[in-house]
Amino acid sequence: MHAAPSDELLERFRAGQRTALARAISIVEDGRPGFERILHQLHALMGRAHRVGVTGPPGAGKSTLTSKLALELRKADEKVGIVAVDPSSPFTGGALLGDRIRMNNISTDPGIFIRSMASRGHLGGLATTTKEVADLLDAYGYDRVLLETVGVGQSELEIAGTADTSVVVLVPESGDSIQAMKAGLMEVADVFVINKADRPGADRLAQELELMLHMRLGEAPANAGHHGVSLKSVQKAARAGVQARAEESGGWAIPVLKTVAQSGEGIDELARTLDRHRGYLQDSGELSRRRQARLAERVRAVVERRLQRLAWRMGPGEQILADSLAELEAGEVSPYAVADRIVTELGVNPR
């Protein structure tokens, strides 16, 4: 049984003690008593950090890229918080700490804080409390919070609801399936990064991405010959078209960058691009819109979590369910009827 967090913990947190930050994160991640009080008390300190989501398929080199990006940001004396969401054991729910191991080379920097979190079987690639841990890093005073996700399931879509800027990391081998890329991925990416760009196929993937971005604007390639599109011939025109349309509308032209994270190549350009995107978000009002949408979603999530707790942990849900299992199996009642019983017992009209 864990004691509820004390005012002393909050005082130490506000005083900048890393041990207090680590303890607050543990309390929030595990959902211990008082975790919502911590988030409530620190809410006024949030909203200062630039949150950058890094997502992409397994093997894209996201951890190495994130590590090198953190070091690049440190050159500008920025404090960087990293949340690395690892796959978790289905038995223990604990993080396998692969990302933490891969980031050992930066973990001794006092200006960098790394936290590995278990996805706890969450298919979206984001642990359910990842957003709240990002809140704590923000409140603590980190200038940049990097959120690296498991590159499976709906992580690309979820990261867009968690970060100010979404970076989608691909590798040259991704070109084999680029045509099958979900439209949703194109919608959420603020920056595309082709990592391991020293491998064959990197240039072609960049060309295909820029062409897809161009066609997303409703413009067909102008240089399609008898044998179809020559990617090289339309790449420059596509890039110029995307840039021109963005300038006309005051929007953001999604860049396609190349990096070799292992050697650090291209990381400085990525850092500059993130700064440019943050400036665009602030100047256009898009930052406020994204953060309001994120806060609205947070309120919905908290209400849902409290209702779940009310129904199952504190309320009659488990008992009503246990009493109904024989009827359910016999087909005498449906799951929907049992749900109605539970909701009615909570004093809510299910209809």
Protein backbone atom coordinates (compact mmCIF):
# COMPACT_ATOMS: atom_id res chain seq x y z
CA MET A 1 0.00 0.00 0.00
CA HIS A 2 1.53 3.31 -1.09
CA ALA A 3 0.95 6.49 0.88
CA ALA A 4 -0.57 9.43 -0.95
CA PRO A 5 2.00 11.96 -2.21
CA SER A 6 2.79 14.70 0.26
CA ASP A 7 3.09 18.45 -0.12
CA GLU A 8 6.79 17.92 0.58
CA LEU A 9 7.12 15.95 -2.68
CA LEU A 10 5.49 18.78 -4.61
CA GLU A 11 7.79 21.31 -2.94
CA ARG A 12 10.86 19.28 -3.88
CA PHE A 13 9.51 18.93 -7.43
CA ARG A 14 9.05 22.69 -7.74
CA ALA A 15 12.55 23.18 -6.34
CA GLY A 16 13.97 21.19 -9.24
CA GLN A 17 15.03 17.99 -7.45
CA ARG A 18 15.31 15.16 -9.99
CA THR A 19 14.52 12.54 -7.35
CA ALA A 20 11.16 14.24 -6.81
CA LEU A 21 10.50 14.19 -10.56
CA ALA A 22 11.35 10.48 -10.76
CA ARG A 23 9.07 9.68 -7.82
CA ALA A 24 6.21 11.76 -9.22
CA ILE A 25 6.52 9.93 -12.54
CA SER A 26 6.41 6.55 -10.79
CA ILE A 27 3.29 7.54 -8.86
CA VAL A 28 1.55 8.76 -12.02
CA GLU A 29 2.64 5.84 -14.18
CA ASP A 30 1.41 3.28 -11.65
CA GLY A 31 -1.80 5.18 -10.91
CA ARG A 32 -1.04 5.23 -7.18
CA PRO A 33 -3.28 7.09 -4.73
CA GLY A 34 -2.97 10.83 -5.19
CA PHE A 35 -1.54 10.76 -8.71
CA GLU A 36 -4.30 13.00 -10.03
CA ARG A 37 -3.62 15.47 -7.22
CA ILE A 38 -0.01 15.77 -8.38
CA LEU A 39 -1.11 16.56 -11.92
CA HIS A 40 -3.76 18.98 -10.66
CA GLN A 41 -1.31 20.88 -8.45
CA LEU A 42 1.29 21.18 -11.22
CA HIS A 43 -1.05 22.03 -14.09
CA ALA A 44 -0.28 25.77 -13.99
CA LEU A 45 3.40 24.99 -14.71
CA MET A 46 2.60 23.08 -17.90
CA GLY A 47 2.46 24.34 -21.48
CA ARG A 48 5.99 25.70 -21.85
CA ALA A 49 7.81 22.74 -23.41
CA HIS A 50 7.85 21.93 -27.11
CA ARG A 51 6.63 18.33 -27.34
CA VAL A 52 8.03 16.35 -30.24
CA GLY A 53 6.66 12.92 -31.11
CA VAL A 54 8.96 10.46 -32.87
CA THR A 55 7.26 7.47 -34.46
CA GLY A 56 7.88 4.99 -37.23
CA PRO A 57 8.26 1.28 -37.92
CA PRO A 58 10.46 -1.01 -35.80
CA GLY A 59 14.07 -0.90 -36.94
CA ALA A 60 13.90 2.67 -38.23
CA GLY A 61 16.53 3.77 -35.71
CA LYS A 62 14.21 5.96 -33.65
CA SER A 63 16.17 5.53 -30.41
CA THR A 64 19.49 6.47 -31.99
CA LEU A 65 17.85 9.39 -33.78
CA THR A 66 16.24 10.59 -30.54
CA SER A 67 19.56 10.31 -28.67
CA LYS A 68 21.47 12.29 -31.30
CA LEU A 69 18.69 14.88 -31.48
CA ALA A 70 18.83 15.33 -27.70
CA LEU A 71 22.59 15.92 -27.88
CA GLU A 72 22.10 18.44 -30.69
CA LEU A 73 19.51 20.34 -28.63
CA ARG A 74 21.88 20.34 -25.65
CA LYS A 75 24.37 22.32 -27.75
CA ALA A 76 21.88 25.19 -27.51
CA ASP A 77 21.73 24.63 -23.73
CA GLU A 78 18.20 23.23 -23.92
CA LYS A 79 17.06 20.82 -21.22
CA VAL A 80 15.59 17.70 -22.80
CA GLY A 81 13.16 15.16 -21.38
CA ILE A 82 12.71 11.85 -23.19
CA VAL A 83 9.85 9.40 -22.79
CA ALA A 84 10.64 6.13 -24.57
CA VAL A 85 7.69 3.76 -24.76
CA ASP A 86 8.95 0.17 -24.80
CA PRO A 87 7.08 -3.04 -25.51
CA SER A 88 6.10 -4.63 -22.22
CA SER A 89 5.97 -8.14 -20.91
CA PRO A 90 2.40 -9.47 -21.09
CA PHE A 91 2.98 -11.04 -17.70
CA THR A 92 4.56 -8.24 -15.68
CA GLY A 93 3.64 -5.13 -17.63
CA GLY A 94 7.18 -3.85 -17.15
CA ALA A 95 9.23 -2.11 -19.81
CA LEU A 96 11.92 -4.24 -21.42
CA LEU A 97 14.13 -1.14 -21.31
CA GLY A 98 15.54 -1.63 -24.79
CA ASP A 99 15.35 2.09 -25.52
CA ARG A 100 17.00 2.97 -22.21
CA ILE A 101 19.88 0.61 -23.00
CA ARG A 102 20.27 2.14 -26.46
CA MET A 103 20.31 5.62 -24.90
CA ASN A 104 22.93 4.86 -22.24
CA ASN A 105 25.42 7.16 -23.95
CA ILE A 106 23.38 10.25 -23.05
CA SER A 107 21.88 9.18 -19.71
CA THR A 108 24.70 10.76 -17.68
CA ASP A 109 24.04 14.26 -19.06
CA PRO A 110 22.43 16.27 -16.22
CA GLY A 111 20.43 18.23 -18.80
CA ILE A 112 18.74 15.09 -20.15
CA PHE A 113 16.15 13.00 -18.34
CA ILE A 114 15.14 9.64 -19.82
CA ARG A 115 12.15 7.59 -18.76
CA SER A 116 11.27 4.24 -20.31
CA MET A 117 7.62 3.29 -20.01
CA ALA A 118 5.82 0.06 -20.77
CA SER A 119 3.16 0.12 -23.45
CA ARG A 120 1.29 -2.40 -21.22
CA GLY A 121 -0.18 -4.12 -24.22
CA HIS A 122 -1.66 -0.88 -25.53
CA LEU A 123 -1.84 -1.38 -29.31
CA GLY A 124 -1.48 2.27 -30.10
CA GLY A 125 2.15 2.22 -29.05
CA LEU A 126 1.59 4.83 -26.35
CA ALA A 127 1.29 3.88 -22.71
CA THR A 128 -1.97 5.16 -21.25
CA THR A 129 -0.13 7.56 -18.94
CA THR A 130 2.50 8.73 -21.45
CA LYS A 131 0.72 12.04 -21.90
CA GLU A 132 0.66 12.67 -18.15
CA VAL A 133 4.36 11.83 -17.79
CA ALA A 134 5.03 14.32 -20.59
CA ASP A 135 3.04 16.83 -18.53
CA LEU A 136 5.35 16.25 -15.56
CA LEU A 137 8.49 16.78 -17.67
CA ASP A 138 6.91 19.97 -19.02
CA ALA A 139 6.03 21.20 -15.53
CA TYR A 140 9.53 20.40 -14.28
CA GLY A 141 10.97 22.86 -16.78
CA TYR A 142 12.31 20.84 -19.70
CA ASP A 143 12.50 22.95 -22.84
CA ARG A 144 11.88 20.04 -25.18
CA VAL A 145 10.07 16.77 -24.48
CA LEU A 146 10.76 13.97 -26.96
CA LEU A 147 8.19 11.17 -27.07
CA GLU A 148 9.42 8.05 -28.83
CA THR A 149 6.77 5.41 -29.48
CA VAL A 150 6.57 1.77 -30.33
CA GLY A 151 6.08 1.83 -34.09
CA VAL A 152 3.05 -0.41 -34.29
CA GLY A 153 -0.71 -0.17 -34.46
CA GLN A 154 -2.19 3.30 -34.25
CA SER A 155 0.89 4.98 -32.74
CA GLU A 156 1.19 7.40 -35.64
CA LEU A 157 -2.32 8.68 -35.05
CA GLU A 158 -1.95 8.79 -31.27
CA ILE A 159 1.31 10.69 -31.33
CA ALA A 160 -0.40 13.51 -33.21
CA GLY A 161 -2.77 13.92 -30.29
CA THR A 162 0.10 13.98 -27.80
CA ALA A 163 2.81 16.10 -29.44
CA ASP A 164 3.05 19.63 -30.79
CA THR A 165 5.22 18.36 -33.65
CA SER A 166 5.03 14.84 -35.10
CA VAL A 167 8.13 13.35 -36.73
CA VAL A 168 7.62 10.19 -38.79
CA VAL A 169 10.84 8.20 -39.23
CA LEU A 170 11.20 5.84 -42.19
CA VAL A 171 14.08 3.88 -43.69
CA PRO A 172 14.91 3.22 -47.37
CA GLU A 173 13.33 -0.22 -47.11
CA SER A 174 10.01 1.49 -46.37
CA GLY A 175 9.87 2.38 -50.06
CA ASP A 176 8.59 -1.10 -50.87
CA SER A 177 5.35 -0.33 -49.07
CA ILE A 178 5.14 3.44 -49.46
CA GLN A 179 2.20 3.23 -51.87
CA ALA A 180 0.26 1.32 -49.23
CA MET A 181 1.01 3.94 -46.59
CA LYS A 182 -2.12 4.88 -44.67
CA ALA A 183 -3.60 8.26 -45.51
CA GLY A 184 -3.66 8.93 -41.78
CA LEU A 185 0.11 8.90 -41.64
CA MET A 186 0.28 11.61 -44.27
CA GLU A 187 -2.19 13.63 -42.24
CA VAL A 188 -0.32 13.49 -38.93
CA ALA A 189 3.30 13.96 -40.08
CA ASP A 190 4.72 17.45 -39.63
CA VAL A 191 8.18 16.25 -40.63
CA PHE A 192 9.28 13.14 -42.51
CA VAL A 193 12.75 11.77 -41.77
CA ILE A 194 14.40 9.11 -43.89
CA ASN A 195 16.94 7.63 -41.49
CA LYS A 196 19.80 5.34 -42.52
CA ALA A 197 19.88 7.44 -45.68
CA ASP A 198 23.28 6.00 -46.64
CA ARG A 199 21.46 2.83 -47.70
CA PRO A 200 20.26 2.18 -51.26
CA GLY A 201 16.76 3.44 -51.95
CA ALA A 202 16.89 6.58 -49.80
CA ASP A 203 16.72 8.99 -52.73
CA ARG A 204 13.84 7.10 -54.32
CA LEU A 205 11.88 7.08 -51.06
CA ALA A 206 12.40 10.84 -50.71
CA GLN A 207 11.15 11.34 -54.26
CA GLU A 208 8.07 9.19 -53.64
CA LEU A 209 7.24 11.02 -50.42
CA GLU A 210 7.55 14.44 -52.01
CA LEU A 211 5.41 13.31 -54.92
CA MET A 212 2.75 11.96 -52.54
CA LEU A 213 2.75 15.24 -50.62
CA HIS A 214 2.33 17.11 -53.92
CA MET A 215 -0.53 14.87 -55.05
CA ARG A 216 -2.18 15.28 -51.66
CA LEU A 217 -2.70 18.91 -52.66
CA GLY A 218 -4.79 17.65 -55.56
CA GLU A 219 -2.14 18.28 -58.18
CA ALA A 220 -1.17 15.56 -60.67
CA PRO A 221 2.48 15.26 -61.67
CA ALA A 222 3.17 17.40 -64.71
CA ASN A 223 6.04 15.31 -65.99
CA ALA A 224 4.37 11.95 -66.47
CA GLY A 225 5.57 10.50 -69.75
CA HIS A 226 4.44 7.57 -71.86
CA HIS A 227 5.92 5.13 -69.36
CA GLY A 228 4.51 6.87 -66.30
CA VAL A 229 6.07 9.18 -63.76
CA SER A 230 9.80 9.80 -63.71
CA LEU A 231 10.25 10.41 -60.00
CA LYS A 232 13.50 12.27 -60.39
CA SER A 233 12.06 14.66 -62.95
CA VAL A 234 9.04 15.60 -60.86
CA GLN A 235 10.70 15.74 -57.43
CA LYS A 236 11.90 19.32 -57.77
CA ALA A 237 8.58 20.51 -59.17
CA ALA A 238 6.68 18.66 -56.47
CA ARG A 239 8.79 20.22 -53.72
CA ALA A 240 8.34 23.69 -55.21
CA GLY A 241 4.60 23.14 -55.56
CA VAL A 242 4.18 22.08 -51.95
CA GLN A 243 6.23 25.06 -50.77
CA ALA A 244 4.30 27.52 -52.95
CA ARG A 245 0.93 26.22 -51.79
CA ALA A 246 2.04 26.46 -48.16
CA GLU A 247 3.19 30.05 -48.65
CA GLU A 248 -0.11 30.97 -50.31
CA SER A 249 -2.21 29.49 -47.53
CA GLY A 250 0.07 30.40 -44.65
CA GLY A 251 0.39 26.70 -43.90
CA TRP A 252 3.32 24.39 -43.27
CA ALA A 253 5.17 22.66 -46.10
CA ILE A 254 5.99 19.20 -44.75
CA PRO A 255 9.72 18.65 -45.31
CA VAL A 256 11.36 15.33 -46.19
CA LEU A 257 14.74 15.14 -44.47
CA LYS A 258 17.52 12.58 -44.69
CA THR A 259 19.61 11.49 -41.71
CA VAL A 260 22.19 8.92 -40.78
CA ALA A 261 21.62 8.97 -37.04
CA GLN A 262 24.47 6.58 -36.30
CA SER A 263 27.01 9.13 -37.57
CA GLY A 264 24.95 12.22 -36.70
CA GLU A 265 24.52 13.27 -40.33
CA GLY A 266 21.47 15.48 -40.85
CA ILE A 267 20.62 15.81 -37.15
CA ASP A 268 21.46 19.52 -37.08
CA GLU A 269 19.04 20.13 -39.96
CA LEU A 270 16.34 18.17 -38.11
CA ALA A 271 16.84 20.35 -35.02
CA ARG A 272 16.56 23.52 -37.13
CA THR A 273 13.41 22.17 -38.79
CA LEU A 274 11.83 21.52 -35.40
CA ASP A 275 12.59 25.11 -34.42
CA ARG A 276 11.00 26.35 -37.63
CA HIS A 277 7.89 24.25 -37.03
CA ARG A 278 7.58 25.52 -33.47
CA GLY A 279 7.79 29.08 -34.81
CA TYR A 280 5.12 28.32 -37.40
CA LEU A 281 2.84 26.84 -34.73
CA GLN A 282 3.19 29.91 -32.52
CA ASP A 283 2.80 32.48 -35.30
CA SER A 284 -0.18 30.80 -36.97
CA GLY A 285 -2.17 30.07 -33.82
CA GLU A 286 -1.97 26.35 -34.61
CA LEU A 287 -0.12 25.67 -31.34
CA SER A 288 -3.05 26.95 -29.30
CA ARG A 289 -5.51 24.94 -31.40
CA ARG A 290 -3.52 21.72 -30.98
CA ARG A 291 -3.07 22.20 -27.26
CA GLN A 292 -6.75 22.97 -26.71
CA ALA A 293 -7.67 19.80 -28.62
CA ARG A 294 -5.20 17.86 -26.48
CA LEU A 295 -6.65 19.27 -23.26
CA ALA A 296 -10.20 18.50 -24.37
CA GLU A 297 -9.17 14.92 -25.05
CA ARG A 298 -7.51 14.78 -21.64
CA VAL A 299 -10.72 15.82 -19.89
CA ARG A 300 -12.61 13.10 -21.76
CA ALA A 301 -9.98 10.53 -20.79
CA VAL A 302 -10.09 11.52 -17.11
CA VAL A 303 -13.90 11.32 -17.06
CA GLU A 304 -13.73 7.89 -18.68
CA ARG A 305 -11.09 6.72 -16.20
CA ARG A 306 -13.14 7.92 -13.24
CA LEU A 307 -16.30 6.26 -14.52
CA GLN A 308 -14.39 3.02 -15.05
CA ARG A 309 -13.10 3.21 -11.50
CA LEU A 310 -16.57 4.00 -10.21
CA ALA A 311 -18.11 1.04 -12.02
CA TRP A 312 -15.48 -1.61 -11.42
CA ARG A 313 -13.25 -0.81 -8.46
CA MET A 314 -15.56 1.12 -6.17
CA GLY A 315 -18.97 0.19 -7.51
CA PRO A 316 -21.09 -2.89 -8.09
CA GLY A 317 -19.81 -3.74 -11.55
CA GLU A 318 -17.71 -6.79 -10.75
CA GLN A 319 -20.35 -8.35 -8.51
CA ILE A 320 -23.18 -7.83 -11.01
CA LEU A 321 -20.97 -9.27 -13.75
CA ALA A 322 -20.06 -12.32 -11.65
CA ASP A 323 -23.73 -12.90 -10.79
CA SER A 324 -24.67 -12.70 -14.49
CA LEU A 325 -22.08 -15.04 -16.03
CA ALA A 326 -24.27 -18.16 -15.95
CA GLU A 327 -27.15 -16.27 -17.57
CA LEU A 328 -24.79 -14.85 -20.19
CA GLU A 329 -23.41 -18.27 -21.07
CA ALA A 330 -26.91 -19.75 -21.28
CA GLY A 331 -27.98 -16.97 -23.61
CA GLU A 332 -30.64 -15.78 -21.20
CA VAL A 333 -29.22 -12.24 -21.17
CA SER A 334 -26.90 -10.34 -23.49
CA PRO A 335 -23.73 -8.44 -22.55
CA TYR A 336 -25.66 -5.25 -23.31
CA ALA A 337 -28.37 -6.08 -20.79
CA VAL A 338 -25.76 -6.76 -18.11
CA ALA A 339 -24.06 -3.47 -18.94
CA ASP A 340 -27.44 -1.76 -18.53
CA ARG A 341 -27.77 -3.33 -15.07
CA ILE A 342 -24.38 -2.00 -14.01
CA VAL A 343 -24.97 1.49 -15.38
CA THR A 344 -28.45 1.63 -13.80
CA GLU A 345 -26.94 0.64 -10.44
CA LEU A 346 -24.65 3.66 -10.75
CA GLY A 347 -27.74 5.87 -10.96
CA VAL A 348 -27.49 6.57 -14.69
CA ASN A 349 -30.27 5.97 -17.20
CA PRO A 350 -28.61 3.67 -19.78
CA ARG A 351 -30.94 4.89 -22.52
